[in-house]
């Protein structure tokens, strides 16, 4: 599955939960959980630790060797330390996924 950065122009510089979006990448739906798996692989290849899925909640990620909890188990302080989030478009099962980098990406 090819990732597309078409949201980058639309979202970059905007805010998500009071944090500026530095970069965005979209993964189109192509089958059951395929966009989620592609987005997760993309992040892991860049060295990010990815949190666990919990329904339609965001999934946090942080660069390095970390264990990222499910969204509802993260404190406000934990969420502020994340490098970004993966969001469902509109849900992970059959939909797409969007990665929002809230810190500059580590390529």
PDB file of N, CA and C in Angstrom:
ATOM      1  N   UNK A   1       0.845  -1.177   0.000  1.00  0.00           N
ATOM      2  CA  UNK A   1       0.000   0.000   0.000  1.00  0.00           C
ATOM      3  C   UNK A   1       0.887   1.236   0.000  1.00  0.00           C
ATOM      4  N   UNK A   2       0.571   2.156  -0.834  1.00  0.00           N
ATOM      5  CA  UNK A   2       1.348   3.385  -0.940  1.00  0.00           C
ATOM      6  C   UNK A   2       0.778   4.425   0.017  1.00  0.00           C
ATOM      7  N   UNK A   3       1.648   5.061   0.775  1.00  0.00           N
ATOM      8  CA  UNK A   3       1.159   6.138   1.632  1.00  0.00           C
ATOM      9  C   UNK A   3       1.142   7.423   0.823  1.00  0.00           C
ATOM     10  N   UNK A   4       0.265   8.315   1.181  1.00  0.00           N
ATOM     11  CA  UNK A   4       0.125   9.558   0.447  1.00  0.00           C
ATOM     12  C   UNK A   4       0.231  10.709   1.425  1.00  0.00           C
ATOM     13  N   UNK A   5       0.889  11.749   0.999  1.00  0.00           N
ATOM     14  CA  UNK A   5       1.061  12.898   1.860  1.00  0.00           C
ATOM     15  C   UNK A   5       0.141  14.042   1.437  1.00  0.00           C
ATOM     16  N   UNK A   6      -1.033  13.678   0.894  1.00  0.00           N
ATOM     17  CA  UNK A   6      -1.938  14.712   0.416  1.00  0.00           C
ATOM     18  C   UNK A   6      -2.512  15.542   1.556  1.00  0.00           C
ATOM     19  N   UNK A   7      -2.613  14.968   2.741  1.00  0.00           N
ATOM     20  CA  UNK A   7      -3.104  15.744   3.882  1.00  0.00           C
ATOM     21  C   UNK A   7      -2.060  16.708   4.408  1.00  0.00           C
ATOM     22  N   UNK A   8      -0.808  16.499   4.058  1.00  0.00           N
ATOM     23  CA  UNK A   8       0.260  17.344   4.594  1.00  0.00           C
ATOM     24  C   UNK A   8      -0.030  18.819   4.329  1.00  0.00           C
ATOM     25  N   UNK A   9      -0.419  19.136   3.121  1.00  0.00           N
ATOM     26  CA  UNK A   9      -0.706  20.529   2.789  1.00  0.00           C
ATOM     27  C   UNK A   9      -1.932  21.061   3.500  1.00  0.00           C
ATOM     28  N   UNK A  10      -2.913  20.209   3.739  1.00  0.00           N
ATOM     29  CA  UNK A  10      -4.153  20.632   4.374  1.00  0.00           C
ATOM     30  C   UNK A  10      -4.023  20.734   5.888  1.00  0.00           C
ATOM     31  N   UNK A  11      -3.200  19.897   6.490  1.00  0.00           N
ATOM     32  CA  UNK A  11      -3.128  19.833   7.944  1.00  0.00           C
ATOM     33  C   UNK A  11      -1.887  20.490   8.534  1.00  0.00           C
ATOM     34  N   UNK A  12      -0.809  20.530   7.790  1.00  0.00           N
ATOM     35  CA  UNK A  12       0.432  21.082   8.317  1.00  0.00           C
ATOM     36  C   UNK A  12       0.210  22.526   8.768  1.00  0.00           C
ATOM     37  N   UNK A  13       0.669  22.823   9.973  1.00  0.00           N
ATOM     38  CA  UNK A  13       0.513  24.164  10.527  1.00  0.00           C
ATOM     39  C   UNK A  13      -0.771  24.367  11.301  1.00  0.00           C
ATOM     40  N   UNK A  14      -1.731  23.452  11.137  1.00  0.00           N
ATOM     41  CA  UNK A  14      -2.967  23.528  11.915  1.00  0.00           C
ATOM     42  C   UNK A  14      -2.703  22.893  13.285  1.00  0.00           C
ATOM     43  N   UNK A  15      -3.736  22.814  14.099  1.00  0.00           N
ATOM     44  CA  UNK A  15      -3.563  22.294  15.448  1.00  0.00           C
ATOM     45  C   UNK A  15      -4.460  21.094  15.693  1.00  0.00           C
ATOM     46  N   UNK A  16      -3.962  20.180  16.505  1.00  0.00           N
ATOM     47  CA  UNK A  16      -4.734  19.034  16.976  1.00  0.00           C
ATOM     48  C   UNK A  16      -4.555  19.014  18.489  1.00  0.00           C
ATOM     49  N   UNK A  17      -5.624  19.167  19.211  1.00  0.00           N
ATOM     50  CA  UNK A  17      -5.618  19.214  20.671  1.00  0.00           C
ATOM     51  C   UNK A  17      -4.522  20.150  21.196  1.00  0.00           C
ATOM     52  N   UNK A  18      -4.525  21.360  20.707  1.00  0.00           N
ATOM     53  CA  UNK A  18      -3.611  22.430  21.130  1.00  0.00           C
ATOM     54  C   UNK A  18      -2.149  22.202  20.779  1.00  0.00           C
ATOM     55  N   UNK A  19      -1.869  21.238  19.896  1.00  0.00           N
ATOM     56  CA  UNK A  19      -0.497  21.014  19.439  1.00  0.00           C
ATOM     57  C   UNK A  19      -0.440  21.212  17.932  1.00  0.00           C
ATOM     58  N   UNK A  20       0.601  21.893  17.496  1.00  0.00           N
ATOM     59  CA  UNK A  20       0.760  22.182  16.073  1.00  0.00           C
ATOM     60  C   UNK A  20       1.125  20.919  15.301  1.00  0.00           C
ATOM     61  N   UNK A  21       0.480  20.730  14.156  1.00  0.00           N
ATOM     62  CA  UNK A  21       0.772  19.594  13.279  1.00  0.00           C
ATOM     63  C   UNK A  21       1.968  19.960  12.412  1.00  0.00           C
ATOM     64  N   UNK A  22       3.045  19.207  12.551  1.00  0.00           N
ATOM     65  CA  UNK A  22       4.265  19.457  11.792  1.00  0.00           C
ATOM     66  C   UNK A  22       4.227  18.787  10.417  1.00  0.00           C
ATOM     67  N   UNK A  23       3.579  17.632  10.357  1.00  0.00           N
ATOM     68  CA  UNK A  23       3.550  16.852   9.116  1.00  0.00           C
ATOM     69  C   UNK A  23       2.419  15.829   9.233  1.00  0.00           C
ATOM     70  N   UNK A  24       1.837  15.438   8.122  1.00  0.00           N
ATOM     71  CA  UNK A  24       0.762  14.439   8.122  1.00  0.00           C
ATOM     72  C   UNK A  24       0.943  13.497   6.943  1.00  0.00           C
ATOM     73  N   UNK A  25       0.588  12.232   7.163  1.00  0.00           N
ATOM     74  CA  UNK A  25       0.651  11.213   6.117  1.00  0.00           C
ATOM     75  C   UNK A  25      -0.647  10.414   6.176  1.00  0.00           C
ATOM     76  N   UNK A  26      -1.267  10.179   5.009  1.00  0.00           N
ATOM     77  CA  UNK A  26      -2.523   9.432   4.951  1.00  0.00           C
ATOM     78  C   UNK A  26      -2.298   8.064   4.319  1.00  0.00           C
ATOM     79  N   UNK A  27      -2.987   7.077   4.859  1.00  0.00           N
ATOM     80  CA  UNK A  27      -2.972   5.716   4.308  1.00  0.00           C
ATOM     81  C   UNK A  27      -4.401   5.384   3.915  1.00  0.00           C
ATOM     82  N   UNK A  28      -4.591   5.098   2.644  1.00  0.00           N
ATOM     83  CA  UNK A  28      -5.916   4.835   2.086  1.00  0.00           C
ATOM     84  C   UNK A  28      -6.417   3.451   2.511  1.00  0.00           C
ATOM     85  N   UNK A  29      -7.741   3.290   2.655  1.00  0.00           N
ATOM     86  CA  UNK A  29      -8.289   1.971   2.956  1.00  0.00           C
ATOM     87  C   UNK A  29      -8.103   1.020   1.779  1.00  0.00           C
ATOM     88  N   UNK A  30      -7.782  -0.241   2.080  1.00  0.00           N
ATOM     89  CA  UNK A  30      -7.634  -1.235   1.010  1.00  0.00           C
ATOM     90  C   UNK A  30      -8.039  -2.633   1.470  1.00  0.00           C
ATOM     91  N   UNK A  31      -8.567  -2.752   2.645  1.00  0.00           N
ATOM     92  CA  UNK A  31      -8.980  -4.045   3.186  1.00  0.00           C
ATOM     93  C   UNK A  31      -9.018  -3.963   4.700  1.00  0.00           C
ATOM     94  N   UNK A  32      -9.451  -5.024   5.326  1.00  0.00           N
ATOM     95  CA  UNK A  32      -9.620  -5.032   6.769  1.00  0.00           C
ATOM     96  C   UNK A  32      -8.311  -4.737   7.491  1.00  0.00           C
ATOM     97  N   UNK A  33      -8.272  -3.621   8.189  1.00  0.00           N
ATOM     98  CA  UNK A  33      -7.132  -3.132   8.976  1.00  0.00           C
ATOM     99  C   UNK A  33      -5.873  -2.868   8.151  1.00  0.00           C
ATOM    100  N   UNK A  34      -5.947  -2.907   6.818  1.00  0.00           N
ATOM    101  CA  UNK A  34      -4.754  -2.741   5.989  1.00  0.00           C
ATOM    102  C   UNK A  34      -4.117  -1.361   6.154  1.00  0.00           C
ATOM    103  N   UNK A  35      -4.915  -0.309   6.204  1.00  0.00           N
ATOM    104  CA  UNK A  35      -4.359   1.037   6.368  1.00  0.00           C
ATOM    105  C   UNK A  35      -3.676   1.162   7.727  1.00  0.00           C
ATOM    106  N   UNK A  36      -4.300   0.609   8.758  1.00  0.00           N
ATOM    107  CA  UNK A  36      -3.692   0.636  10.093  1.00  0.00           C
ATOM    108  C   UNK A  36      -2.350  -0.079  10.083  1.00  0.00           C
ATOM    109  N   UNK A  37      -2.310  -1.290   9.511  1.00  0.00           N
ATOM    110  CA  UNK A  37      -1.055  -2.055   9.484  1.00  0.00           C
ATOM    111  C   UNK A  37       0.022  -1.327   8.687  1.00  0.00           C
ATOM    112  N   UNK A  38      -0.346  -0.701   7.582  1.00  0.00           N
ATOM    113  CA  UNK A  38       0.622   0.033   6.771  1.00  0.00           C
ATOM    114  C   UNK A  38       1.160   1.241   7.540  1.00  0.00           C
ATOM    115  N   UNK A  39       0.278   1.967   8.215  1.00  0.00           N
ATOM    116  CA  UNK A  39       0.701   3.130   8.995  1.00  0.00           C
ATOM    117  C   UNK A  39       1.602   2.708  10.162  1.00  0.00           C
ATOM    118  N   UNK A  40       1.229   1.639  10.824  1.00  0.00           N
ATOM    119  CA  UNK A  40       2.039   1.132  11.939  1.00  0.00           C
ATOM    120  C   UNK A  40       3.425   0.713  11.448  1.00  0.00           C
ATOM    121  N   UNK A  41       3.493   0.005  10.339  1.00  0.00           N
ATOM    122  CA  UNK A  41       4.785  -0.416   9.772  1.00  0.00           C
ATOM    123  C   UNK A  41       5.636   0.797   9.390  1.00  0.00           C
ATOM    124  N   UNK A  42       5.007   1.785   8.784  1.00  0.00           N
ATOM    125  CA  UNK A  42       5.698   3.015   8.393  1.00  0.00           C
ATOM    126  C   UNK A  42       6.364   3.649   9.613  1.00  0.00           C
ATOM    127  N   UNK A  43       5.609   3.785  10.698  1.00  0.00           N
ATOM    128  CA  UNK A  43       6.157   4.396  11.919  1.00  0.00           C
ATOM    129  C   UNK A  43       7.274   3.552  12.518  1.00  0.00           C
ATOM    130  N   UNK A  44       7.077   2.244  12.570  1.00  0.00           N
ATOM    131  CA  UNK A  44       8.099   1.373  13.156  1.00  0.00           C
ATOM    132  C   UNK A  44       9.387   1.398  12.335  1.00  0.00           C
ATOM    133  N   UNK A  45       9.273   1.482  11.013  1.00  0.00           N
ATOM    134  CA  UNK A  45      10.466   1.577  10.162  1.00  0.00           C
ATOM    135  C   UNK A  45      11.248   2.853  10.441  1.00  0.00           C
ATOM    136  N   UNK A  46      10.558   3.896  10.877  1.00  0.00           N
ATOM    137  CA  UNK A  46      11.214   5.158  11.220  1.00  0.00           C
ATOM    138  C   UNK A  46      11.729   5.181  12.656  1.00  0.00           C
ATOM    139  N   UNK A  47      11.499   4.091  13.398  1.00  0.00           N
ATOM    140  CA  UNK A  47      12.008   3.991  14.767  1.00  0.00           C
ATOM    141  C   UNK A  47      11.064   4.460  15.849  1.00  0.00           C
ATOM    142  N   UNK A  48       9.778   4.531  15.535  1.00  0.00           N
ATOM    143  CA  UNK A  48       8.795   4.957  16.528  1.00  0.00           C
ATOM    144  C   UNK A  48       8.161   3.755  17.226  1.00  0.00           C
ATOM    145  N   UNK A  49       7.920   3.907  18.524  1.00  0.00           N
ATOM    146  CA  UNK A  49       7.132   2.940  19.279  1.00  0.00           C
ATOM    147  C   UNK A  49       5.671   3.366  19.137  1.00  0.00           C
ATOM    148  N   UNK A  50       4.794   2.411  18.831  1.00  0.00           N
ATOM    149  CA  UNK A  50       3.391   2.710  18.548  1.00  0.00           C
ATOM    150  C   UNK A  50       2.521   2.094  19.637  1.00  0.00           C
ATOM    151  N   UNK A  51       1.563   2.858  20.130  1.00  0.00           N
ATOM    152  CA  UNK A  51       0.643   2.381  21.155  1.00  0.00           C
ATOM    153  C   UNK A  51      -0.345   1.362  20.625  1.00  0.00           C
ATOM    154  N   UNK A  52      -1.180   0.878  21.502  1.00  0.00           N
ATOM    155  CA  UNK A  52      -2.173  -0.135  21.156  1.00  0.00           C
ATOM    156  C   UNK A  52      -3.473   0.506  20.689  1.00  0.00           C
ATOM    157  N   UNK A  53      -4.157  -0.203  19.811  1.00  0.00           N
ATOM    158  CA  UNK A  53      -5.442   0.245  19.296  1.00  0.00           C
ATOM    159  C   UNK A  53      -6.526   0.045  20.354  1.00  0.00           C
ATOM    160  N   UNK A  54      -7.442   1.011  20.391  1.00  0.00           N
ATOM    161  CA  UNK A  54      -8.591   0.914  21.285  1.00  0.00           C
ATOM    162  C   UNK A  54      -9.771   1.586  20.600  1.00  0.00           C
ATOM    163  N   UNK A  55     -10.510   0.798  19.824  1.00  0.00           N
ATOM    164  CA  UNK A  55     -11.679   1.279  19.103  1.00  0.00           C
ATOM    165  C   UNK A  55     -11.305   2.428  18.173  1.00  0.00           C
ATOM    166  N   UNK A  56     -11.995   3.556  18.257  1.00  0.00           N
ATOM    167  CA  UNK A  56     -11.730   4.702  17.378  1.00  0.00           C
ATOM    168  C   UNK A  56     -10.884   5.771  18.049  1.00  0.00           C
ATOM    169  N   UNK A  57     -10.273   5.433  19.152  1.00  0.00           N
ATOM    170  CA  UNK A  57      -9.419   6.385  19.862  1.00  0.00           C
ATOM    171  C   UNK A  57      -8.116   6.599  19.099  1.00  0.00           C
ATOM    172  N   UNK A  58      -7.471   7.747  19.289  1.00  0.00           N
ATOM    173  CA  UNK A  58      -6.157   7.950  18.680  1.00  0.00           C
ATOM    174  C   UNK A  58      -5.160   6.918  19.214  1.00  0.00           C
ATOM    175  N   UNK A  59      -4.105   6.697  18.449  1.00  0.00           N
ATOM    176  CA  UNK A  59      -3.020   5.824  18.866  1.00  0.00           C
ATOM    177  C   UNK A  59      -1.764   6.682  18.908  1.00  0.00           C
ATOM    178  N   UNK A  60      -1.156   6.786  20.084  1.00  0.00           N
ATOM    179  CA  UNK A  60       0.027   7.613  20.233  1.00  0.00           C
ATOM    180  C   UNK A  60       1.285   6.897  19.773  1.00  0.00           C
ATOM    181  N   UNK A  61       2.307   7.686  19.425  1.00  0.00           N
ATOM    182  CA  UNK A  61       3.614   7.115  19.105  1.00  0.00           C
ATOM    183  C   UNK A  61       4.720   8.054  19.570  1.00  0.00           C
ATOM    184  N   UNK A  62       5.873   7.445  19.872  1.00  0.00           N
ATOM    185  CA  UNK A  62       7.034   8.188  20.376  1.00  0.00           C
ATOM    186  C   UNK A  62       8.286   7.557  19.808  1.00  0.00           C
ATOM    187  N   UNK A  63       9.241   8.383  19.412  1.00  0.00           N
ATOM    188  CA  UNK A  63      10.480   7.875  18.819  1.00  0.00           C
ATOM    189  C   UNK A  63      11.356   7.244  19.898  1.00  0.00           C
ATOM    190  N   UNK A  64      11.816   6.037  19.621  1.00  0.00           N
ATOM    191  CA  UNK A  64      12.706   5.338  20.547  1.00  0.00           C
ATOM    192  C   UNK A  64      12.094   4.058  21.074  1.00  0.00           C
ATOM    193  N   UNK A  65      12.737   3.523  22.074  1.00  0.00           N
ATOM    194  CA  UNK A  65      12.329   2.254  22.670  1.00  0.00           C
ATOM    195  C   UNK A  65      11.413   2.521  23.864  1.00  0.00           C
ATOM    196  N   UNK A  66      10.129   2.621  23.599  1.00  0.00           N
ATOM    197  CA  UNK A  66       9.134   2.922  24.622  1.00  0.00           C
ATOM    198  C   UNK A  66       7.990   1.925  24.542  1.00  0.00           C
ATOM    199  N   UNK A  67       7.206   1.896  25.590  1.00  0.00           N
ATOM    200  CA  UNK A  67       5.920   1.197  25.584  1.00  0.00           C
ATOM    201  C   UNK A  67       4.868   2.278  25.699  1.00  0.00           C
ATOM    202  N   UNK A  68       4.074   2.426  24.663  1.00  0.00           N
ATOM    203  CA  UNK A  68       3.047   3.469  24.645  1.00  0.00           C
ATOM    204  C   UNK A  68       1.710   2.811  24.980  1.00  0.00           C
ATOM    205  N   UNK A  69       1.056   3.310  26.008  1.00  0.00           N
ATOM    206  CA  UNK A  69      -0.209   2.733  26.471  1.00  0.00           C
ATOM    207  C   UNK A  69      -1.357   3.119  25.540  1.00  0.00           C
ATOM    208  N   UNK A  70      -2.486   2.466  25.744  1.00  0.00           N
ATOM    209  CA  UNK A  70      -3.706   2.848  25.026  1.00  0.00           C
ATOM    210  C   UNK A  70      -4.067   4.277  25.411  1.00  0.00           C
ATOM    211  N   UNK A  71      -4.746   4.957  24.500  1.00  0.00           N
ATOM    212  CA  UNK A  71      -5.042   6.373  24.666  1.00  0.00           C
ATOM    213  C   UNK A  71      -5.686   6.677  26.011  1.00  0.00           C
ATOM    214  N   UNK A  72      -6.674   5.897  26.424  1.00  0.00           N
ATOM    215  CA  UNK A  72      -7.387   6.215  27.661  1.00  0.00           C
ATOM    216  C   UNK A  72      -6.535   5.994  28.910  1.00  0.00           C
ATOM    217  N   UNK A  73      -5.406   5.306  28.780  1.00  0.00           N
ATOM    218  CA  UNK A  73      -4.513   5.111  29.921  1.00  0.00           C
ATOM    219  C   UNK A  73      -3.394   6.149  29.985  1.00  0.00           C
ATOM    220  N   UNK A  74      -3.324   7.023  29.003  1.00  0.00           N
ATOM    221  CA  UNK A  74      -2.285   8.055  28.995  1.00  0.00           C
ATOM    222  C   UNK A  74      -2.759   9.289  29.762  1.00  0.00           C
ATOM    223  N   UNK A  75      -1.894   9.802  30.620  1.00  0.00           N
ATOM    224  CA  UNK A  75      -2.212  11.041  31.334  1.00  0.00           C
ATOM    225  C   UNK A  75      -2.029  12.224  30.382  1.00  0.00           C
ATOM    226  N   UNK A  76      -2.464  13.385  30.801  1.00  0.00           N
ATOM    227  CA  UNK A  76      -2.283  14.592  29.997  1.00  0.00           C
ATOM    228  C   UNK A  76      -0.788  14.816  29.740  1.00  0.00           C
ATOM    229  N   UNK A  77       0.033  14.602  30.742  1.00  0.00           N
ATOM    230  CA  UNK A  77       1.478  14.779  30.604  1.00  0.00           C
ATOM    231  C   UNK A  77       2.067  13.763  29.623  1.00  0.00           C
ATOM    232  N   UNK A  78       1.597  12.514  29.685  1.00  0.00           N
ATOM    233  CA  UNK A  78       2.055  11.490  28.737  1.00  0.00           C
ATOM    234  C   UNK A  78       1.722  11.898  27.307  1.00  0.00           C
ATOM    235  N   UNK A  79       0.506  12.375  27.095  1.00  0.00           N
ATOM    236  CA  UNK A  79       0.064  12.766  25.753  1.00  0.00           C
ATOM    237  C   UNK A  79       0.905  13.921  25.215  1.00  0.00           C
ATOM    238  N   UNK A  80       1.315  14.828  26.083  1.00  0.00           N
ATOM    239  CA  UNK A  80       2.135  15.960  25.666  1.00  0.00           C
ATOM    240  C   UNK A  80       3.539  15.530  25.244  1.00  0.00           C
ATOM    241  N   UNK A  81       3.990  14.369  25.707  1.00  0.00           N
ATOM    242  CA  UNK A  81       5.325  13.882  25.373  1.00  0.00           C
ATOM    243  C   UNK A  81       5.355  13.036  24.101  1.00  0.00           C
ATOM    244  N   UNK A  82       4.194  12.711  23.550  1.00  0.00           N
ATOM    245  CA  UNK A  82       4.144  11.917  22.325  1.00  0.00           C
ATOM    246  C   UNK A  82       4.684  12.717  21.148  1.00  0.00           C
ATOM    247  N   UNK A  83       5.263  12.019  20.185  1.00  0.00           N
ATOM    248  CA  UNK A  83       5.716  12.659  18.954  1.00  0.00           C
ATOM    249  C   UNK A  83       4.570  12.828  17.967  1.00  0.00           C
ATOM    250  N   UNK A  84       3.479  12.104  18.176  1.00  0.00           N
ATOM    251  CA  UNK A  84       2.335  12.226  17.290  1.00  0.00           C
ATOM    252  C   UNK A  84       1.273  11.198  17.584  1.00  0.00           C
ATOM    253  N   UNK A  85       0.266  11.180  16.702  1.00  0.00           N
ATOM    254  CA  UNK A  85      -0.852  10.254  16.847  1.00  0.00           C
ATOM    255  C   UNK A  85      -1.253   9.697  15.488  1.00  0.00           C
ATOM    256  N   UNK A  86      -1.835   8.509  15.527  1.00  0.00           N
ATOM    257  CA  UNK A  86      -2.467   7.905  14.354  1.00  0.00           C
ATOM    258  C   UNK A  86      -3.972   7.990  14.597  1.00  0.00           C
ATOM    259  N   UNK A  87      -4.697   8.482  13.601  1.00  0.00           N
ATOM    260  CA  UNK A  87      -6.145   8.636  13.714  1.00  0.00           C
ATOM    261  C   UNK A  87      -6.861   7.786  12.678  1.00  0.00           C
ATOM    262  N   UNK A  88      -8.036   7.241  13.038  1.00  0.00           N
ATOM    263  CA  UNK A  88      -8.821   6.483  12.056  1.00  0.00           C
ATOM    264  C   UNK A  88      -9.529   7.416  11.085  1.00  0.00           C
ATOM    265  N   UNK A  89      -9.713   6.947   9.853  1.00  0.00           N
ATOM    266  CA  UNK A  89     -10.400   7.728   8.818  1.00  0.00           C
ATOM    267  C   UNK A  89     -11.486   6.893   8.159  1.00  0.00           C
ATOM    268  N   UNK A  90     -12.669   6.732   8.577  1.00  0.00           N
ATOM    269  CA  UNK A  90     -13.225   7.188   9.842  1.00  0.00           C
ATOM    270  C   UNK A  90     -13.062   6.149  10.952  1.00  0.00           C
ATOM    271  N   UNK A  91     -12.689   4.914  10.571  1.00  0.00           N
ATOM    272  CA  UNK A  91     -12.429   3.863  11.563  1.00  0.00           C
ATOM    273  C   UNK A  91     -11.337   2.958  11.010  1.00  0.00           C
ATOM    274  N   UNK A  92     -10.634   2.258  11.905  1.00  0.00           N
ATOM    275  CA  UNK A  92      -9.480   1.468  11.484  1.00  0.00           C
ATOM    276  C   UNK A  92      -9.846   0.180  10.753  1.00  0.00           C
ATOM    277  N   UNK A  93     -10.975  -0.443  11.075  1.00  0.00           N
ATOM    278  CA  UNK A  93     -11.286  -1.760  10.507  1.00  0.00           C
ATOM    279  C   UNK A  93     -11.326  -1.749   8.979  1.00  0.00           C
ATOM    280  N   UNK A  94     -12.157  -0.949   8.390  1.00  0.00           N
ATOM    281  CA  UNK A  94     -12.281  -0.904   6.929  1.00  0.00           C
ATOM    282  C   UNK A  94     -11.912   0.461   6.355  1.00  0.00           C
ATOM    283  N   UNK A  95     -11.537   1.386   7.217  1.00  0.00           N
ATOM    284  CA  UNK A  95     -11.214   2.736   6.763  1.00  0.00           C
ATOM    285  C   UNK A  95      -9.723   2.963   6.610  1.00  0.00           C
ATOM    286  N   UNK A  96      -9.375   4.214   6.486  1.00  0.00           N
ATOM    287  CA  UNK A  96      -7.984   4.611   6.336  1.00  0.00           C
ATOM    288  C   UNK A  96      -7.384   5.010   7.677  1.00  0.00           C
ATOM    289  N   UNK A  97      -6.163   5.526   7.595  1.00  0.00           N
ATOM    290  CA  UNK A  97      -5.462   6.002   8.783  1.00  0.00           C
ATOM    291  C   UNK A  97      -4.678   7.249   8.408  1.00  0.00           C
ATOM    292  N   UNK A  98      -4.603   8.181   9.342  1.00  0.00           N
ATOM    293  CA  UNK A  98      -3.819   9.396   9.152  1.00  0.00           C
ATOM    294  C   UNK A  98      -2.836   9.503  10.306  1.00  0.00           C
ATOM    295  N   UNK A  99      -1.581   9.737   9.965  1.00  0.00           N
ATOM    296  CA  UNK A  99      -0.546   9.953  10.971  1.00  0.00           C
ATOM    297  C   UNK A  99      -0.316  11.452  11.070  1.00  0.00           C
ATOM    298  N   UNK A 100      -0.424  11.982  12.284  1.00  0.00           N
ATOM    299  CA  UNK A 100      -0.120  13.376  12.545  1.00  0.00           C
ATOM    300  C   UNK A 100       1.167  13.446  13.361  1.00  0.00           C
ATOM    301  N   UNK A 101       2.197  14.028  12.785  1.00  0.00           N
ATOM    302  CA  UNK A 101       3.445  14.255  13.520  1.00  0.00           C
ATOM    303  C   UNK A 101       3.294  15.584  14.241  1.00  0.00           C
ATOM    304  N   UNK A 102       3.348  15.556  15.562  1.00  0.00           N
ATOM    305  CA  UNK A 102       3.215  16.762  16.367  1.00  0.00           C
ATOM    306  C   UNK A 102       4.577  17.330  16.745  1.00  0.00           C
ATOM    307  N   UNK A 103       5.611  16.563  16.492  1.00  0.00           N
ATOM    308  CA  UNK A 103       7.004  16.999  16.534  1.00  0.00           C
ATOM    309  C   UNK A 103       7.547  16.728  15.134  1.00  0.00           C
ATOM    310  N   UNK A 104       8.593  17.437  14.710  1.00  0.00           N
ATOM    311  CA  UNK A 104       9.133  17.145  13.393  1.00  0.00           C
ATOM    312  C   UNK A 104       9.486  15.665  13.240  1.00  0.00           C
ATOM    313  N   UNK A 105       9.121  15.035  12.107  1.00  0.00           N
ATOM    314  CA  UNK A 105       9.409  13.602  11.915  1.00  0.00           C
ATOM    315  C   UNK A 105      10.903  13.319  11.949  1.00  0.00           C
ATOM    316  N   UNK A 106      11.253  12.133  12.405  1.00  0.00           N
ATOM    317  CA  UNK A 106      12.640  11.686  12.415  1.00  0.00           C
ATOM    318  C   UNK A 106      12.825  10.714  11.252  1.00  0.00           C
ATOM    319  N   UNK A 107      13.307  11.239  10.122  1.00  0.00           N
ATOM    320  CA  UNK A 107      13.490  10.403   8.942  1.00  0.00           C
ATOM    321  C   UNK A 107      14.869   9.859   8.918  1.00  0.00           C
TER     322      UNK A 107
END
